[in-house]
């Protein structure tokens, strides 16, 4: 990831994945489903070898071999699958 265009694209993919993961956890999804969904989104966006770790209180994702990483905190959790929809 050398040029600014690629960096911006990877940041956008990371943003979308983290928002999706946070919303899923807030809606009551299992952690393995959150991780799987985030991996599918990033792979379909053309990102190779994304890394994801989800817990009930946070989502951690890394792209481009660890060069771009971010943590998203989850502050609220309940069972609301309409939130995910």
N, C-alpha and C. Protein backbone atom coordinates (compact mmCIF):
# COMPACT_ATOMS: atom_id res chain seq x y z
N UNK A 1 0.86 -1.16 0.00
CA UNK A 1 0.00 0.00 0.00
C UNK A 1 0.90 1.22 0.00
N UNK A 2 1.19 1.72 -1.17
CA UNK A 2 2.17 2.79 -1.25
C UNK A 2 1.58 4.16 -1.56
N UNK A 3 0.58 4.23 -2.40
CA UNK A 3 0.09 5.56 -2.76
C UNK A 3 -1.14 5.95 -1.93
N UNK A 4 -1.42 7.25 -1.93
CA UNK A 4 -2.50 7.79 -1.10
C UNK A 4 -3.87 7.25 -1.49
N UNK A 5 -4.07 6.94 -2.77
CA UNK A 5 -5.36 6.41 -3.22
C UNK A 5 -5.65 5.06 -2.57
N UNK A 6 -4.63 4.20 -2.53
CA UNK A 6 -4.80 2.89 -1.89
C UNK A 6 -5.02 3.02 -0.40
N UNK A 7 -4.32 3.94 0.24
CA UNK A 7 -4.48 4.14 1.68
C UNK A 7 -5.91 4.58 1.98
N UNK A 8 -6.42 5.52 1.22
CA UNK A 8 -7.79 6.00 1.42
C UNK A 8 -8.79 4.86 1.21
N UNK A 9 -8.58 4.05 0.18
CA UNK A 9 -9.48 2.93 -0.10
C UNK A 9 -9.46 1.94 1.07
N UNK A 10 -8.28 1.59 1.55
CA UNK A 10 -8.16 0.65 2.66
C UNK A 10 -8.81 1.22 3.92
N UNK A 11 -8.67 2.52 4.15
CA UNK A 11 -9.31 3.14 5.31
C UNK A 11 -10.83 3.06 5.20
N UNK A 12 -11.36 3.26 4.00
CA UNK A 12 -12.81 3.16 3.79
C UNK A 12 -13.30 1.74 4.02
N UNK A 13 -12.55 0.76 3.53
CA UNK A 13 -12.92 -0.64 3.76
C UNK A 13 -12.89 -0.94 5.25
N UNK A 14 -11.86 -0.47 5.93
CA UNK A 14 -11.74 -0.67 7.37
C UNK A 14 -12.91 -0.03 8.11
N UNK A 15 -13.28 1.18 7.71
CA UNK A 15 -14.43 1.87 8.33
C UNK A 15 -15.71 1.06 8.17
N UNK A 16 -15.99 0.60 6.96
CA UNK A 16 -17.21 -0.16 6.70
C UNK A 16 -17.23 -1.45 7.52
N UNK A 17 -16.11 -2.16 7.55
CA UNK A 17 -16.04 -3.42 8.29
C UNK A 17 -16.25 -3.20 9.79
N UNK A 18 -15.62 -2.17 10.34
CA UNK A 18 -15.75 -1.91 11.77
C UNK A 18 -17.16 -1.46 12.15
N UNK A 19 -17.78 -0.67 11.31
CA UNK A 19 -19.16 -0.26 11.57
C UNK A 19 -20.08 -1.47 11.53
N UNK A 20 -19.90 -2.31 10.52
CA UNK A 20 -20.73 -3.52 10.41
C UNK A 20 -20.53 -4.42 11.63
N UNK A 21 -19.27 -4.62 12.02
CA UNK A 21 -18.98 -5.46 13.18
C UNK A 21 -19.58 -4.92 14.46
N UNK A 22 -19.44 -3.60 14.69
CA UNK A 22 -19.99 -2.99 15.89
C UNK A 22 -21.51 -3.12 15.92
N UNK A 23 -22.16 -2.85 14.78
CA UNK A 23 -23.62 -2.97 14.73
C UNK A 23 -24.08 -4.40 14.99
N UNK A 24 -23.35 -5.37 14.47
CA UNK A 24 -23.72 -6.76 14.69
C UNK A 24 -23.61 -7.14 16.16
N UNK A 25 -22.53 -6.71 16.81
CA UNK A 25 -22.36 -7.01 18.23
C UNK A 25 -23.44 -6.31 19.05
N UNK A 26 -23.71 -5.05 18.72
CA UNK A 26 -24.75 -4.31 19.43
C UNK A 26 -26.11 -4.98 19.26
N UNK A 27 -26.32 -5.66 18.13
CA UNK A 27 -27.58 -6.33 17.86
C UNK A 27 -27.66 -7.74 18.40
N UNK A 28 -26.59 -8.25 19.00
CA UNK A 28 -26.63 -9.56 19.63
C UNK A 28 -26.02 -10.70 18.84
N UNK A 29 -25.30 -10.42 17.78
CA UNK A 29 -24.69 -11.49 16.97
C UNK A 29 -23.56 -12.19 17.72
N UNK A 30 -23.31 -13.43 17.34
CA UNK A 30 -22.20 -14.18 17.89
C UNK A 30 -20.90 -13.65 17.31
N UNK A 31 -19.81 -13.79 18.07
CA UNK A 31 -18.52 -13.24 17.66
C UNK A 31 -18.00 -13.88 16.36
N UNK A 32 -18.22 -15.18 16.19
CA UNK A 32 -17.73 -15.82 14.98
C UNK A 32 -18.45 -15.29 13.75
N UNK A 33 -19.73 -14.93 13.89
CA UNK A 33 -20.46 -14.34 12.77
C UNK A 33 -19.96 -12.94 12.44
N UNK A 34 -19.65 -12.19 13.48
CA UNK A 34 -19.11 -10.84 13.29
C UNK A 34 -17.79 -10.93 12.52
N UNK A 35 -16.90 -11.79 12.99
CA UNK A 35 -15.60 -11.94 12.34
C UNK A 35 -15.76 -12.40 10.89
N UNK A 36 -16.61 -13.38 10.67
CA UNK A 36 -16.83 -13.90 9.32
C UNK A 36 -17.37 -12.82 8.39
N UNK A 37 -18.32 -12.05 8.85
CA UNK A 37 -18.90 -10.98 8.02
C UNK A 37 -17.86 -9.93 7.68
N UNK A 38 -17.07 -9.53 8.65
CA UNK A 38 -16.05 -8.52 8.39
C UNK A 38 -15.00 -9.04 7.41
N UNK A 39 -14.63 -10.29 7.55
CA UNK A 39 -13.67 -10.88 6.60
C UNK A 39 -14.26 -10.95 5.19
N UNK A 40 -15.52 -11.33 5.08
CA UNK A 40 -16.16 -11.40 3.76
C UNK A 40 -16.25 -10.03 3.10
N UNK A 41 -16.61 -9.01 3.88
CA UNK A 41 -16.68 -7.65 3.32
C UNK A 41 -15.33 -7.23 2.79
N UNK A 42 -14.29 -7.41 3.60
CA UNK A 42 -12.96 -6.95 3.18
C UNK A 42 -12.42 -7.76 2.00
N UNK A 43 -12.64 -9.06 2.00
CA UNK A 43 -12.17 -9.87 0.87
C UNK A 43 -12.90 -9.52 -0.42
N UNK A 44 -14.20 -9.28 -0.32
CA UNK A 44 -14.97 -8.89 -1.50
C UNK A 44 -14.57 -7.51 -2.01
N UNK A 45 -13.96 -6.70 -1.13
CA UNK A 45 -13.47 -5.39 -1.53
C UNK A 45 -12.06 -5.48 -2.12
N UNK A 46 -11.52 -6.69 -2.18
CA UNK A 46 -10.21 -6.88 -2.80
C UNK A 46 -9.04 -6.82 -1.84
N UNK A 47 -9.30 -6.86 -0.55
CA UNK A 47 -8.22 -6.83 0.43
C UNK A 47 -7.75 -8.25 0.68
N UNK A 48 -6.44 -8.45 0.60
CA UNK A 48 -5.87 -9.78 0.82
C UNK A 48 -5.39 -9.90 2.26
N UNK A 49 -5.66 -11.01 2.87
CA UNK A 49 -5.21 -11.37 4.22
C UNK A 49 -5.63 -10.37 5.30
N UNK A 50 -6.93 -10.05 5.41
CA UNK A 50 -7.38 -9.21 6.52
C UNK A 50 -7.36 -10.02 7.82
N UNK A 51 -7.17 -9.35 8.94
CA UNK A 51 -7.18 -10.00 10.25
C UNK A 51 -8.24 -9.35 11.11
N UNK A 52 -9.06 -10.16 11.79
CA UNK A 52 -10.16 -9.65 12.61
C UNK A 52 -10.20 -10.40 13.94
N UNK A 53 -10.47 -9.67 15.01
CA UNK A 53 -10.71 -10.28 16.32
C UNK A 53 -11.86 -9.53 16.97
N UNK A 54 -12.92 -10.25 17.31
CA UNK A 54 -14.10 -9.63 17.91
C UNK A 54 -14.33 -10.18 19.31
N UNK A 55 -14.66 -9.28 20.23
CA UNK A 55 -15.05 -9.64 21.58
C UNK A 55 -16.37 -8.93 21.87
N UNK A 56 -17.03 -9.24 22.95
CA UNK A 56 -18.29 -8.54 23.25
C UNK A 56 -18.12 -7.04 23.51
N UNK A 57 -16.90 -6.57 23.74
CA UNK A 57 -16.68 -5.16 24.03
C UNK A 57 -15.87 -4.40 22.98
N UNK A 58 -15.33 -5.10 21.99
CA UNK A 58 -14.54 -4.41 20.96
C UNK A 58 -14.36 -5.26 19.72
N UNK A 59 -14.01 -4.57 18.63
CA UNK A 59 -13.69 -5.23 17.38
C UNK A 59 -12.33 -4.69 16.94
N UNK A 60 -11.42 -5.58 16.60
CA UNK A 60 -10.08 -5.19 16.18
C UNK A 60 -9.88 -5.71 14.77
N UNK A 61 -9.41 -4.84 13.88
CA UNK A 61 -9.18 -5.26 12.50
C UNK A 61 -7.88 -4.68 11.99
N UNK A 62 -7.18 -5.49 11.19
CA UNK A 62 -5.92 -5.08 10.61
C UNK A 62 -5.92 -5.43 9.13
N UNK A 63 -5.46 -4.51 8.31
CA UNK A 63 -5.34 -4.72 6.86
C UNK A 63 -3.91 -4.47 6.42
N UNK A 64 -3.58 -4.97 5.27
CA UNK A 64 -2.28 -4.74 4.65
C UNK A 64 -1.14 -5.19 5.54
N UNK A 65 -1.25 -6.40 6.06
CA UNK A 65 -0.17 -6.96 6.86
C UNK A 65 0.08 -6.24 8.17
N UNK A 66 -0.90 -5.55 8.69
CA UNK A 66 -0.75 -4.85 9.96
C UNK A 66 -0.40 -3.38 9.82
N UNK A 67 -0.20 -2.91 8.59
CA UNK A 67 0.14 -1.50 8.40
C UNK A 67 -1.02 -0.57 8.73
N UNK A 68 -2.23 -1.07 8.63
CA UNK A 68 -3.42 -0.27 8.94
C UNK A 68 -4.28 -1.07 9.90
N UNK A 69 -4.35 -0.63 11.14
CA UNK A 69 -5.11 -1.33 12.18
C UNK A 69 -5.95 -0.35 12.96
N UNK A 70 -7.09 -0.86 13.47
CA UNK A 70 -7.95 0.00 14.26
C UNK A 70 -8.79 -0.85 15.21
N UNK A 71 -9.17 -0.24 16.32
CA UNK A 71 -10.04 -0.87 17.31
C UNK A 71 -11.32 -0.05 17.40
N UNK A 72 -12.45 -0.73 17.42
CA UNK A 72 -13.75 -0.07 17.59
C UNK A 72 -14.35 -0.61 18.88
N UNK A 73 -14.65 0.27 19.82
CA UNK A 73 -15.27 -0.14 21.09
C UNK A 73 -16.77 -0.34 20.91
N UNK A 74 -17.29 -1.30 21.63
CA UNK A 74 -18.73 -1.58 21.64
C UNK A 74 -19.23 -1.22 23.03
N UNK A 75 -20.07 -0.21 23.10
CA UNK A 75 -20.52 0.29 24.40
C UNK A 75 -21.89 -0.24 24.81
N UNK A 76 -22.71 -0.59 23.83
CA UNK A 76 -24.06 -1.09 24.13
C UNK A 76 -24.25 -2.44 23.46
N UNK A 77 -24.93 -3.34 24.17
CA UNK A 77 -25.23 -4.64 23.60
C UNK A 77 -26.64 -5.04 24.02
N UNK A 78 -27.37 -5.59 23.08
CA UNK A 78 -28.68 -6.17 23.38
C UNK A 78 -29.04 -7.10 22.22
N UNK A 79 -30.20 -7.65 22.26
CA UNK A 79 -30.64 -8.52 21.16
C UNK A 79 -31.64 -7.73 20.33
N UNK A 80 -31.17 -7.25 19.18
CA UNK A 80 -32.00 -6.44 18.29
C UNK A 80 -31.53 -6.70 16.86
N UNK A 81 -32.03 -7.74 16.26
CA UNK A 81 -31.57 -8.10 14.92
C UNK A 81 -32.07 -7.14 13.85
N UNK A 82 -33.06 -6.30 14.18
CA UNK A 82 -33.49 -5.27 13.24
C UNK A 82 -32.41 -4.21 13.07
N UNK A 83 -31.56 -4.01 14.07
CA UNK A 83 -30.47 -3.06 13.99
C UNK A 83 -29.50 -3.48 12.88
N UNK A 84 -29.25 -4.76 12.79
CA UNK A 84 -28.34 -5.29 11.76
C UNK A 84 -28.95 -5.14 10.39
N UNK A 85 -30.25 -5.37 10.29
CA UNK A 85 -30.95 -5.27 9.01
C UNK A 85 -30.85 -3.85 8.47
